[in-house]
Every structure is written in C-alpha cells, then in structure tokens.
Amino acid sequence: MRLPLVLTTFLGLACLSAGCRSTSAVPSPETQDSGVVDAGITDAGVAVDDAGVTVDAGPPPEWTLQSAPVQVPEGMGGEPFDVPRSLNIPSGMSVSVWARVPGARFIAFSPEGTLLVSVPGQGKVMQVRPRAGQAPEVTQWAGSLGRPHDIVFHERDGQVWVFISEKNRVTRSRWTAGETTRGTAETVVSGLPDASLPELHGAYGHELKNLAVDSQHRVYVAIASTCNVCLSDTTSDPLRGAIYRWDWSGGSRELFARGLRNAEGLAWEPGTDTLWVAVNNRDNTPYPFDDGTGQYGQVIPEYVDNHPPEALTSVRQGGHYGWPFCNSNPDSPSGLKHMPLDRDYDMNPDGSKADCAALDRTDQGIQAHSAPLGLTFFDDGELNPAWKRGALVAYHGSWNRTERTGYKVTAFPWDLTTHQPTEEVDVVTGFKNPDLSVWGRPVDVALAPDRGFIVSDDFAGALYRIEPTARP
C-alpha cells in the first residue's frame, strides 16, 4: 500500500507477549557460488549478548494478542459471518466488520477520510464514506475499468490526484473532497502487458499491477511475472518481474529494478524516496544443492515449504534481486536478514545465466508462501509507543504449503538509524479454522484517519476495523 498523505495517531497505547518470527527447518548447506557459508550481516533489531552472540531484539515485552469476537453490525451478517467469528488482535483493541465489499483488494484513504477500494474482479472501484453513528455508505466510485488494483493519492502543487492501476494502464484524475463519482480521468501509462498478449494465450497469473508516485512526481509500476519461473519474462519488452518508472506525463520510461517475481504493496519509507515492496517468490523450487544427499533437482515438500522466502525489501535503481535465476537462502547464519542467493536449479544450475553472489540481497525475508500483498508504513508510534516507525504487511496466505501459513497482518518495527526492519510481530491472526481451512484472506491494510486501521479481505468480502477500545 501507500504512505498516507497525513499520518495521525490512532493507538498511542501499549499493547501486550512475544510475537512470532518466520523460521526455516532445513539445515544450511554451503552456497554454490562461493563454496562457503555466508557469515551474515548485522542488521537493525539485532542485539549482541555478553558472549558476542547476536540475538534478535524482539518486540516490546508488553506486546500480546488477545482473542476478540468480530462484531458484525446488522445487515452485514452473511457468510462467513453467519456464524460467530473471532480474531487475535492487540490487547486493548476491538475488531468489527466495518463494511462489506465483495472482492475487496487494495485500499486507500483520501485526505478527508473517504476510503477507495479496488474490486478487480468486477472492474470497479468502490467508495466507503464514514457516517456518524451508523454504518458507512458504500457506493461505486468508478466502473468499466480493466481489473483495477492499486490506488494512490498524491498531491502536486496543491492539487490532490488519485491514481488507479489497471491491467494494461495507469490513469489519474483530480480528487475533489466529497465527490461521489470519479471525474475525468487521463491515461498516464499505457501499453502495459496483460493476458491479451498473443504469446500468453490468455493466461497471465500476475496480471494485476501495483504502483507508487515519488516526491518528484514520478510514477512507478510493478510488472509482475507471467509464470512461476520462466525465461520469456527476462527477454520481453517491457521486462516482466520488474519495476519501471515514468515521468509525470507518462514519458521517459526507464527500467528501475528487476528480478522481483511479483512485487506488491509498493510504499515509501516515510520522509524518503526509498521504495519498499512486498514480494511473492516462486513455488515448487527443486533442491539446488548437489551435496551427495540424493536430493539434487528433486521437488521435496520439506524443502519447498520454506524455500525461497517471500521478501520485504527496499529497491534501488538498477538493482537485480534474483528471479528467476537465483533464490534467497534463509538457512545461513544471517537467518532471514540479507540472505545470500542460491542458483535456481531450473533456470541457472551452472551459474551461466547469473552470478548469484553479485546480485542484490533482499532486506528481510518472510516465511515462504505467505503471499504478502498490502504494505503501509506508520511513522508516529501508532501501533505501539515503543515503535516510532514501522511497516504493516497483509499476508494473503499459502495455497500449496504442507501446513498453511500466512493469513494474517504483521508489523515490522523500524530502526531509524539503519532504516531497516527489526522483528516480525503478529498484529491480526485467526483467519484459519481448527481444521486448517480458512474463512478470511487479508489483502491490504490502511491507517484510519481517526485512529485504528482497516484491513481488506477479498475472500470474506469484508473490511475490518481494528481500533482501541478506550479513547484518550
């Protein structure tokens, strides 16, 4: 998601036990490119004990989650809320169904507090307008769009604009406070690849686009891969599995970064033009080490379950982050921080396609197959007074992991000196049933202007409001 135009304090209270962190159970083999195990990199959130051993700083000791019933207003009780539901949320908070929007994906608040919600499956963007003392009003703001996905509000020269990414273009329109339907839209970027490309035969698994606009009013678009792993995306024009940048007028296209299989949730670290993304990495990766175990080149569930990790990472101009030739290895001493890259068995077994040691490492790994989508920063201690800044990430959840993972919202508190995430901490969990089926799949998260935050769920067709139970 995007950095809101204005961040306001919505919690300002301490919550309450240790969150969780993704881990890998597979032993650490030697890297192929160097022949030695990487020594790791010291990162933000890593402390050193008296013996000189690095230990994760972890969340504040008062942080815990509590089970809370999902409050469902009258008229919103259709499936899955036809039976009681509960979620695990920070202590001192409540959770309710704020609105029902079938197929709700990415969300963004306007400066005055109207929420726009993309519904790519229906080709429209809905508007959720708060009303005092009653449920918000939900109406259609724009229709007849080409699978709209990401939404960005951006101010230039005193005028607020709203950008919408569609499957093959990016459009923008002037935003007027109180408007109920979209005004005249202009196309900024056109000709983005979609499933209509003859070479794709109607199949483009990651057709939806995400975008960002920087302080210099340049437009960034993530063009995700068409496949799990393939060479064709590395030779197409534009490249796929990449991020491109255009100027305000839609000209001067330039490749910004590549090797990002499916970059979602583009967001700026507050006060900077440093772009961060949440990345969905490949599935069914064969065991890449010819180490005498007899597993080389085999797709082994125990290995696939944890490899390669998803990523939360900053992205630099000219960077190459590995896909489809190299995959992050979470089994080195650095754990999920700045992981070394291993050769992909399918695409780069002999290292001839890419020197994995020379490519960019991602900043922070996330448990493989979690499918992180929405990403937004907070910057005023909103989630916990101990965390001045951090990132909230929504995990859509796994489809092919032996044990389901994801289906939650997490926080990554920030080190203001190193500009790095520290620990991964659960914020909202409980979408999995005891039988491991699921009733909800988070997509995006947005800070609410009047405290609290909103989570979209395309599976349940709901927007949840999580907010403090006590007002200051």
Protein backbone atom coordinates (compact mmCIF):
# COMPACT_ATOMS: atom_id res chain seq x y z
CA MET A 1 0.00 0.00 0.00
CA ARG A 2 0.93 3.64 0.00
CA LEU A 3 2.19 6.09 2.58
CA PRO A 4 -0.90 8.15 3.52
CA LEU A 5 -0.85 11.89 2.84
CA VAL A 6 -1.33 12.55 6.52
CA LEU A 7 -0.49 10.13 9.33
CA THR A 8 -2.41 10.58 12.57
CA THR A 9 -2.00 8.77 15.85
CA PHE A 10 -4.63 6.06 16.15
CA LEU A 11 -3.44 3.91 19.01
CA GLY A 12 -0.98 5.69 21.25
CA LEU A 13 -1.29 2.89 23.78
CA ALA A 14 0.86 -0.02 24.80
CA CYS A 15 -0.43 -3.43 23.89
CA LEU A 16 0.60 -6.84 25.43
CA SER A 17 3.88 -11.17 24.64
CA ALA A 18 6.25 -12.03 22.14
CA GLY A 19 5.18 -12.04 18.52
CA CYS A 20 6.36 -14.70 16.16
CA ARG A 21 9.06 -14.88 13.57
CA SER A 22 9.38 -16.96 10.44
CA THR A 23 11.96 -19.73 10.67
CA SER A 24 13.35 -22.49 8.45
CA ALA A 25 13.96 -26.07 9.50
CA VAL A 26 16.24 -27.15 6.66
CA PRO A 27 19.96 -27.42 7.54
CA SER A 28 22.22 -24.83 5.96
CA PRO A 29 24.18 -26.22 3.01
CA GLU A 30 27.17 -24.40 1.59
CA THR A 31 26.46 -21.78 -1.03
CA GLN A 32 27.24 -22.80 -4.59
CA ASP A 33 28.82 -19.58 -5.79
CA SER A 34 31.46 -19.10 -3.11
CA GLY A 35 31.76 -22.60 -1.65
CA VAL A 36 31.49 -21.19 1.88
CA VAL A 37 28.65 -20.46 4.25
CA ASP A 38 27.89 -16.73 4.33
CA ALA A 39 28.88 -15.09 7.59
CA GLY A 40 25.77 -12.96 7.59
CA ILE A 41 25.22 -9.24 8.02
CA THR A 42 24.45 -7.43 11.26
CA ASP A 43 21.05 -5.80 10.91
CA ALA A 44 18.70 -3.50 12.71
CA GLY A 45 16.93 -5.14 15.58
CA VAL A 46 19.84 -7.46 16.28
CA ALA A 47 21.50 -7.10 19.66
CA VAL A 48 24.70 -8.73 20.87
CA ASP A 49 24.79 -10.56 24.21
CA ASP A 50 27.74 -10.74 26.63
CA ALA A 51 29.17 -13.73 24.77
CA GLY A 52 29.17 -11.83 21.49
CA VAL A 53 26.25 -13.84 20.07
CA THR A 54 23.67 -11.93 18.08
CA VAL A 55 20.14 -12.12 19.43
CA ASP A 56 17.03 -10.59 17.95
CA ALA A 57 15.86 -7.57 19.89
CA GLY A 58 12.26 -8.73 19.59
CA PRO A 59 9.02 -6.91 20.31
CA PRO A 60 8.40 -4.88 23.46
CA PRO A 61 7.75 -7.20 26.43
CA GLU A 62 4.22 -5.86 26.90
CA TRP A 63 3.02 -6.90 23.43
CA THR A 64 0.36 -9.64 23.35
CA LEU A 65 -2.59 -10.60 21.22
CA GLN A 66 -6.00 -11.45 22.65
CA SER A 67 -8.91 -13.31 21.10
CA ALA A 68 -11.74 -10.89 20.38
CA PRO A 69 -15.15 -11.51 18.80
CA VAL A 70 -15.63 -9.95 15.39
CA GLN A 71 -18.50 -7.54 15.88
CA VAL A 72 -20.91 -7.72 12.95
CA PRO A 73 -23.40 -4.85 12.51
CA GLU A 74 -26.95 -5.60 11.47
CA GLY A 75 -27.22 -6.25 7.76
CA MET A 76 -23.63 -7.47 7.37
CA GLY A 77 -24.06 -11.00 8.72
CA GLY A 78 -23.84 -13.00 5.51
CA GLU A 79 -21.23 -15.73 5.05
CA PRO A 80 -18.67 -16.10 6.63
CA PHE A 81 -20.26 -14.08 9.42
CA ASP A 82 -23.36 -16.25 9.58
CA VAL A 83 -21.57 -17.96 12.47
CA PRO A 84 -19.57 -16.28 15.27
CA ARG A 85 -16.01 -15.35 14.31
CA SER A 86 -13.09 -14.16 16.38
CA LEU A 87 -9.64 -12.76 15.62
CA ASN A 88 -6.49 -12.37 17.68
CA ILE A 89 -5.70 -8.67 17.93
CA PRO A 90 -3.59 -6.43 20.20
CA SER A 91 -4.79 -6.17 23.78
CA GLY A 92 -6.95 -3.13 24.38
CA MET A 93 -8.48 -3.19 20.90
CA SER A 94 -11.69 -4.33 19.25
CA VAL A 95 -12.46 -5.65 15.78
CA SER A 96 -15.61 -5.19 13.72
CA VAL A 97 -16.84 -5.62 10.18
CA TRP A 98 -16.77 -2.01 9.02
CA ALA A 99 -18.27 -2.64 5.58
CA ARG A 100 -18.99 -5.48 3.14
CA VAL A 101 -17.32 -5.12 -0.27
CA PRO A 102 -17.22 -8.42 -2.20
CA GLY A 103 -13.81 -8.96 -3.78
CA ALA A 104 -12.18 -6.04 -1.90
CA ARG A 105 -8.48 -5.75 -2.72
CA PHE A 106 -6.33 -2.63 -2.32
CA ILE A 107 -7.49 0.34 -0.27
CA ALA A 108 -6.50 3.98 0.24
CA PHE A 109 -7.92 6.85 2.28
CA SER A 110 -8.40 10.27 0.72
CA PRO A 111 -7.10 13.28 2.71
CA GLU A 112 -10.54 13.90 4.22
CA GLY A 113 -11.18 10.26 5.12
CA THR A 114 -13.08 8.60 2.27
CA LEU A 115 -11.85 5.08 1.56
CA LEU A 116 -11.48 3.84 -2.00
CA VAL A 117 -11.50 0.06 -2.54
CA SER A 118 -10.47 -1.73 -5.73
CA VAL A 119 -12.53 -4.69 -6.94
CA PRO A 120 -10.59 -6.01 -9.94
CA GLY A 121 -12.88 -8.97 -10.47
CA GLN A 122 -15.77 -6.60 -11.15
CA GLY A 123 -13.81 -3.89 -12.94
CA LYS A 124 -14.71 -1.18 -10.46
CA VAL A 125 -13.57 0.93 -7.53
CA MET A 126 -15.93 1.33 -4.59
CA GLN A 127 -16.15 4.25 -2.19
CA VAL A 128 -16.71 3.82 1.54
CA ARG A 129 -17.78 7.04 3.20
CA PRO A 130 -17.95 7.17 7.02
CA ARG A 131 -21.18 8.34 8.64
CA ALA A 132 -21.57 9.38 12.26
CA GLY A 133 -23.49 6.88 14.36
CA GLN A 134 -24.19 4.42 11.56
CA ALA A 135 -22.52 2.11 9.10
CA PRO A 136 -20.51 3.81 6.34
CA GLU A 137 -22.09 4.37 2.96
CA VAL A 138 -20.75 2.08 0.22
CA THR A 139 -21.21 3.22 -3.38
CA GLN A 140 -19.49 2.75 -6.74
CA TRP A 141 -16.96 5.48 -7.48
CA ALA A 142 -15.72 4.21 -10.86
CA GLY A 143 -16.68 1.34 -13.18
CA SER A 144 -15.90 -0.26 -16.54
CA LEU A 145 -12.21 -0.48 -15.63
CA GLY A 146 -9.69 -3.11 -16.66
CA ARG A 147 -9.08 -5.10 -13.47
CA PRO A 148 -8.23 -2.08 -11.28
CA HIS A 149 -5.90 -2.92 -8.42
CA ASP A 150 -3.74 -0.32 -6.70
CA ILE A 151 -4.86 3.15 -5.59
CA VAL A 152 -2.58 6.09 -4.76
CA PHE A 153 -3.47 9.58 -3.60
CA HIS A 154 -0.76 12.11 -4.47
CA GLU A 155 -0.54 15.88 -4.06
CA ARG A 156 1.16 18.15 -6.57
CA ASP A 157 1.08 21.96 -6.46
CA GLY A 158 -1.83 21.98 -4.06
CA GLN A 159 -3.97 19.60 -6.13
CA VAL A 160 -4.70 16.06 -4.92
CA TRP A 161 -4.73 13.42 -7.64
CA VAL A 162 -5.86 9.80 -7.41
CA PHE A 163 -4.01 7.20 -9.49
CA ILE A 164 -5.52 3.83 -10.40
CA SER A 165 -3.55 0.93 -11.85
CA GLU A 166 -5.39 -1.27 -14.34
CA LYS A 167 -4.17 -4.43 -16.02
CA ASN A 168 -2.74 -2.55 -19.03
CA ARG A 169 -2.51 1.10 -17.98
CA VAL A 170 -2.38 3.69 -15.19
CA THR A 171 -4.89 6.53 -15.08
CA ARG A 172 -5.31 9.55 -12.80
CA SER A 173 -7.98 12.11 -12.03
CA ARG A 174 -8.26 15.19 -9.86
CA TRP A 175 -9.69 14.45 -6.44
CA THR A 176 -12.33 16.77 -5.02
CA ALA A 177 -13.31 16.32 -1.38
CA GLY A 178 -16.83 14.94 -1.19
CA GLU A 179 -17.01 13.65 -4.74
CA THR A 180 -19.17 10.56 -5.20
CA THR A 181 -18.10 9.53 -8.70
CA ARG A 182 -14.79 9.80 -10.48
CA GLY A 183 -14.11 12.89 -12.51
CA THR A 184 -12.45 12.99 -15.91
CA ALA A 185 -9.57 10.53 -16.00
CA GLU A 186 -6.43 10.80 -18.08
CA THR A 187 -4.15 7.94 -19.09
CA VAL A 188 -0.62 8.32 -17.72
CA VAL A 189 0.92 4.99 -18.71
CA SER A 190 -0.46 2.72 -21.42
CA GLY A 191 0.58 -0.48 -23.15
CA LEU A 192 1.32 -2.46 -20.00
CA PRO A 193 1.37 -6.22 -20.65
CA ASP A 194 -1.78 -8.17 -19.89
CA ALA A 195 -3.32 -11.52 -20.76
CA SER A 196 -4.21 -10.32 -24.26
CA LEU A 197 -0.59 -10.71 -25.40
CA PRO A 198 -0.58 -13.39 -28.15
CA GLU A 199 2.36 -15.20 -26.55
CA LEU A 200 0.40 -15.68 -23.31
CA HIS A 201 -2.69 -17.30 -24.84
CA GLY A 202 -4.95 -15.58 -22.31
CA ALA A 203 -3.01 -16.75 -19.24
CA TYR A 204 -1.23 -14.17 -17.05
CA GLY A 205 -1.14 -15.29 -13.44
CA HIS A 206 0.07 -11.97 -12.02
CA GLU A 207 -1.71 -9.56 -14.35
CA LEU A 208 -2.73 -7.09 -11.63
CA LYS A 209 -0.46 -4.05 -11.31
CA ASN A 210 0.78 -2.07 -8.30
CA LEU A 211 2.14 1.46 -8.35
CA ALA A 212 3.72 4.32 -6.42
CA VAL A 213 4.41 8.03 -7.01
CA ASP A 214 7.52 9.63 -5.52
CA SER A 215 8.20 13.17 -4.24
CA GLN A 216 9.43 14.15 -7.70
CA HIS A 217 6.03 13.07 -9.09
CA ARG A 218 7.47 10.10 -10.99
CA VAL A 219 5.25 7.06 -11.47
CA TYR A 220 6.47 3.53 -10.63
CA VAL A 221 4.67 0.40 -11.83
CA ALA A 222 5.42 -3.18 -10.85
CA ILE A 223 5.05 -5.54 -13.81
CA ALA A 224 4.87 -8.99 -12.27
CA SER A 225 5.87 -12.28 -13.82
CA THR A 226 3.53 -14.23 -16.07
CA CYS A 227 4.65 -17.54 -14.61
CA ASN A 228 6.15 -19.35 -11.66
CA VAL A 229 9.59 -19.37 -13.28
CA CYS A 230 10.43 -18.80 -16.96
CA LEU A 231 12.95 -17.21 -19.32
CA SER A 232 10.46 -15.40 -21.54
CA ASP A 233 9.81 -12.73 -18.90
CA THR A 234 13.51 -11.82 -18.88
CA THR A 235 13.57 -11.00 -22.60
CA SER A 236 10.16 -9.37 -23.08
CA ASP A 237 9.65 -5.64 -23.64
CA PRO A 238 8.92 -4.39 -21.07
CA LEU A 239 10.63 -6.95 -18.86
CA ARG A 240 8.31 -8.76 -16.51
CA GLY A 241 9.22 -9.45 -12.90
CA ALA A 242 10.39 -5.83 -12.83
CA ILE A 243 9.57 -2.26 -11.78
CA TYR A 244 9.56 0.60 -14.31
CA ARG A 245 9.46 4.36 -13.81
CA TRP A 246 7.84 7.11 -15.89
CA ASP A 247 7.78 10.89 -15.52
CA TRP A 248 4.57 12.76 -14.64
CA SER A 249 3.49 12.94 -18.26
CA GLY A 250 3.99 9.23 -18.80
CA GLY A 251 7.17 9.65 -20.84
CA SER A 252 10.83 8.77 -20.26
CA ARG A 253 10.19 5.14 -19.40
CA GLU A 254 13.12 3.54 -17.61
CA LEU A 255 13.76 0.16 -16.02
CA PHE A 256 14.09 0.81 -12.30
CA ALA A 257 14.73 -2.69 -10.91
CA ARG A 258 14.35 -6.32 -11.96
CA GLY A 259 14.42 -9.83 -10.54
CA LEU A 260 11.26 -9.23 -8.48
CA ARG A 261 8.86 -12.03 -9.34
CA ASN A 262 5.70 -10.39 -8.04
CA ALA A 263 6.25 -7.10 -6.22
CA GLU A 264 3.13 -5.94 -4.40
CA GLY A 265 2.38 -3.19 -1.90
CA LEU A 266 4.79 -0.52 -3.16
CA ALA A 267 5.40 2.06 -0.40
CA TRP A 268 7.86 4.80 0.54
CA GLU A 269 9.78 4.79 3.79
CA PRO A 270 8.48 7.96 5.49
CA GLY A 271 10.48 11.06 4.74
CA THR A 272 12.44 9.40 1.94
CA ASP A 273 12.21 8.34 -1.68
CA THR A 274 13.32 4.82 -0.73
CA LEU A 275 10.89 2.39 -2.29
CA TRP A 276 9.93 -0.74 -0.35
CA VAL A 277 7.99 -3.68 -1.75
CA ALA A 278 6.50 -6.96 -0.58
CA VAL A 279 7.47 -9.79 -2.94
CA ASN A 280 5.80 -13.14 -3.68
CA ASN A 281 8.52 -15.59 -4.69
CA ARG A 282 8.43 -18.83 -6.68
CA ASP A 283 6.78 -22.17 -5.86
CA ASN A 284 7.97 -25.77 -6.14
CA THR A 285 11.66 -24.96 -6.25
CA PRO A 286 13.82 -28.09 -6.69
CA TYR A 287 16.54 -28.81 -4.16
CA PRO A 288 19.51 -26.87 -5.60
CA PHE A 289 22.49 -28.50 -3.89
CA ASP A 290 24.48 -31.37 -5.41
CA ASP A 291 25.65 -32.35 -1.94
CA GLY A 292 25.56 -36.15 -2.07
CA THR A 293 22.18 -36.43 -0.35
CA GLY A 294 20.48 -37.71 -3.49
CA GLN A 295 18.02 -34.80 -3.39
CA TYR A 296 19.60 -32.63 -6.08
CA GLY A 297 16.98 -31.42 -8.55
CA GLN A 298 14.07 -33.02 -6.71
CA VAL A 299 10.97 -31.14 -5.56
CA ILE A 300 10.87 -32.08 -1.89
CA PRO A 301 7.91 -30.79 0.16
CA GLU A 302 10.04 -30.29 3.28
CA TYR A 303 12.36 -28.03 1.29
CA VAL A 304 9.67 -26.29 -0.78
CA ASP A 305 7.72 -25.41 2.39
CA ASN A 306 10.42 -22.94 3.45
CA HIS A 307 12.22 -22.00 0.22
CA PRO A 308 12.56 -19.44 -1.09
CA PRO A 309 11.25 -16.95 1.47
CA GLU A 310 9.00 -14.10 0.42
CA ALA A 311 10.55 -10.66 0.85
CA LEU A 312 10.06 -7.25 2.38
CA THR A 313 12.80 -5.18 0.78
CA SER A 314 13.99 -1.79 -0.31
CA VAL A 315 14.60 -1.47 -4.03
CA ARG A 316 17.38 0.55 -5.62
CA GLN A 317 17.62 1.92 -9.12
CA GLY A 318 19.41 -0.62 -11.30
CA GLY A 319 19.00 -3.41 -8.77
CA HIS A 320 18.62 -7.09 -9.71
CA TYR A 321 17.03 -9.22 -6.98
CA GLY A 322 17.49 -12.66 -8.46
CA TRP A 323 14.31 -14.03 -10.01
CA PRO A 324 14.23 -16.33 -11.94
CA PHE A 325 17.92 -17.27 -11.74
CA CYS A 326 18.68 -17.05 -8.01
CA ASN A 327 16.73 -17.61 -4.79
CA SER A 328 17.30 -16.30 -1.28
CA ASN A 329 18.63 -18.87 1.20
CA PRO A 330 17.21 -18.47 4.74
CA ASP A 331 19.47 -21.17 6.21
CA SER A 332 22.67 -19.12 6.53
CA PRO A 333 23.76 -17.54 9.86
CA SER A 334 22.05 -14.29 8.91
CA GLY A 335 18.67 -16.04 9.01
CA LEU A 336 16.02 -14.03 7.20
CA LYS A 337 18.17 -10.88 7.05
CA HIS A 338 20.08 -10.04 3.86
CA MET A 339 20.10 -13.66 2.75
CA PRO A 340 22.69 -14.99 0.29
CA LEU A 341 21.36 -16.18 -3.05
CA ASP A 342 21.49 -19.76 -4.37
CA ARG A 343 21.32 -20.82 -8.01
CA ASP A 344 17.88 -21.85 -9.20
CA TYR A 345 18.04 -25.48 -10.35
CA ASP A 346 15.52 -24.97 -13.16
CA MET A 347 16.90 -21.75 -14.62
CA ASN A 348 20.56 -21.40 -13.58
CA PRO A 349 22.03 -24.71 -12.38
CA ASP A 350 25.57 -24.00 -13.60
CA GLY A 351 25.60 -20.27 -12.87
CA SER A 352 25.87 -19.30 -16.53
CA LYS A 353 22.70 -17.18 -16.51
CA ALA A 354 23.60 -15.09 -13.46
CA ASP A 355 26.29 -14.79 -10.81
CA CYS A 356 24.12 -15.07 -7.70
CA ALA A 357 26.85 -13.65 -5.46
CA ALA A 358 26.81 -10.41 -7.47
CA LEU A 359 23.06 -9.76 -7.26
CA ASP A 360 21.14 -7.68 -4.71
CA ARG A 361 20.06 -9.28 -1.47
CA THR A 362 16.65 -8.54 -0.03
CA ASP A 363 16.49 -6.80 3.33
CA GLN A 364 14.03 -9.04 5.17
CA GLY A 365 12.69 -12.50 4.46
CA ILE A 366 9.16 -13.66 5.23
CA GLN A 367 8.03 -17.25 5.66
CA ALA A 368 7.80 -18.87 2.21
CA HIS A 369 4.34 -18.95 0.61
CA SER A 370 2.84 -16.35 2.97
CA ALA A 371 1.89 -14.23 -0.09
CA PRO A 372 2.46 -10.73 1.33
CA LEU A 373 0.37 -8.17 -0.54
CA GLY A 374 -0.51 -4.85 1.10
CA LEU A 375 2.26 -2.76 2.70
CA THR A 376 1.91 0.54 4.54
CA PHE A 377 4.18 2.49 6.86
CA PHE A 378 3.31 4.10 10.17
CA ASP A 379 5.51 6.90 11.47
CA ASP A 380 4.13 8.28 14.72
CA GLY A 381 4.19 5.39 17.16
CA GLU A 382 0.66 4.47 16.14
CA LEU A 383 0.93 0.75 16.76
CA ASN A 384 3.00 0.84 19.94
CA PRO A 385 4.77 3.74 21.66
CA ALA A 386 7.99 1.70 21.62
CA TRP A 387 7.92 1.68 17.80
CA LYS A 388 8.26 5.14 16.32
CA ARG A 389 8.14 3.82 12.77
CA GLY A 390 7.34 0.53 11.13
CA ALA A 391 5.59 -1.31 8.34
CA LEU A 392 2.30 -3.18 8.38
CA VAL A 393 2.05 -6.08 5.90
CA ALA A 394 -1.02 -8.15 4.99
CA TYR A 395 -0.40 -11.84 4.17
CA HIS A 396 -2.91 -13.36 1.79
CA GLY A 397 -1.84 -16.89 2.72
CA SER A 398 -0.43 -20.03 1.12
CA TRP A 399 -2.07 -22.31 -1.42
CA ASN A 400 0.49 -25.12 -1.73
CA ARG A 401 2.38 -25.36 1.57
CA THR A 402 2.16 -28.63 3.58
CA GLU A 403 0.94 -26.61 6.56
CA ARG A 404 -0.92 -23.45 5.68
CA THR A 405 0.89 -20.22 6.50
CA GLY A 406 0.12 -16.53 6.22
CA TYR A 407 -3.50 -15.36 6.59
CA LYS A 408 -2.59 -12.52 8.94
CA VAL A 409 -1.34 -8.96 9.35
CA THR A 410 2.14 -8.41 10.76
CA ALA A 411 4.22 -5.42 11.82
CA PHE A 412 7.91 -4.78 11.26
CA PRO A 413 9.17 -2.14 13.72
CA TRP A 414 11.88 0.07 12.23
CA ASP A 415 15.41 1.03 13.17
CA LEU A 416 15.56 4.76 12.42
CA THR A 417 19.35 4.75 12.21
CA THR A 418 19.86 1.89 9.78
CA HIS A 419 16.49 2.31 8.02
CA GLN A 420 15.87 -1.41 8.41
CA PRO A 421 13.01 -3.56 9.75
CA THR A 422 13.75 -5.24 13.05
CA GLU A 423 11.43 -8.02 14.26
CA GLU A 424 8.34 -9.51 12.60
CA VAL A 425 5.40 -9.26 15.01
CA ASP A 426 1.89 -10.63 14.57
CA VAL A 427 -0.86 -7.98 14.71
CA VAL A 428 -4.00 -9.76 13.45
CA THR A 429 -4.34 -13.56 13.26
CA GLY A 430 -7.14 -16.12 13.50
CA PHE A 431 -8.40 -16.47 9.93
CA LYS A 432 -7.58 -20.21 9.99
CA ASN A 433 -10.12 -22.65 11.39
CA PRO A 434 -9.09 -25.52 13.71
CA ASP A 435 -9.31 -27.92 10.73
CA LEU A 436 -6.82 -25.61 8.90
CA SER A 437 -9.42 -24.39 6.44
CA VAL A 438 -9.67 -20.60 6.24
CA TRP A 439 -12.53 -18.12 6.39
CA GLY A 440 -10.63 -14.93 5.51
CA ARG A 441 -7.62 -13.76 3.47
CA PRO A 442 -6.17 -10.30 4.22
CA VAL A 443 -5.10 -8.24 1.20
CA ASP A 444 -4.29 -4.70 2.29
CA VAL A 445 -4.10 -2.52 5.39
CA ALA A 446 -4.58 1.24 5.80
CA LEU A 447 -4.29 3.58 8.76
CA ALA A 448 -7.66 5.13 9.60
CA PRO A 449 -7.66 8.93 9.97
CA ASP A 450 -9.44 8.78 13.33
CA ARG A 451 -7.31 6.06 14.96
CA GLY A 452 -7.29 2.36 14.22
CA PHE A 453 -6.66 0.62 10.94
CA ILE A 454 -8.66 -1.05 8.19
CA VAL A 455 -7.90 -4.48 6.72
CA SER A 456 -9.40 -5.62 3.41
CA ASP A 457 -10.33 -9.26 2.82
CA ASP A 458 -11.23 -10.42 -0.69
CA PHE A 459 -12.21 -13.92 0.47
CA ALA A 460 -14.78 -12.83 3.05
CA GLY A 461 -15.69 -9.69 1.08
CA ALA A 462 -15.15 -7.52 4.12
CA LEU A 463 -13.36 -4.51 5.50
CA TYR A 464 -12.41 -4.92 9.17
CA ARG A 465 -11.84 -2.04 11.54
CA ILE A 466 -9.38 -2.69 14.37
CA GLU A 467 -9.31 0.16 16.89
CA PRO A 468 -8.63 0.95 20.57
CA THR A 469 -11.47 0.20 22.93
CA ALA A 470 -10.67 3.30 25.00
CA ARG A 471 -10.43 6.83 23.68
CA PRO A 472 -7.81 9.23 25.10
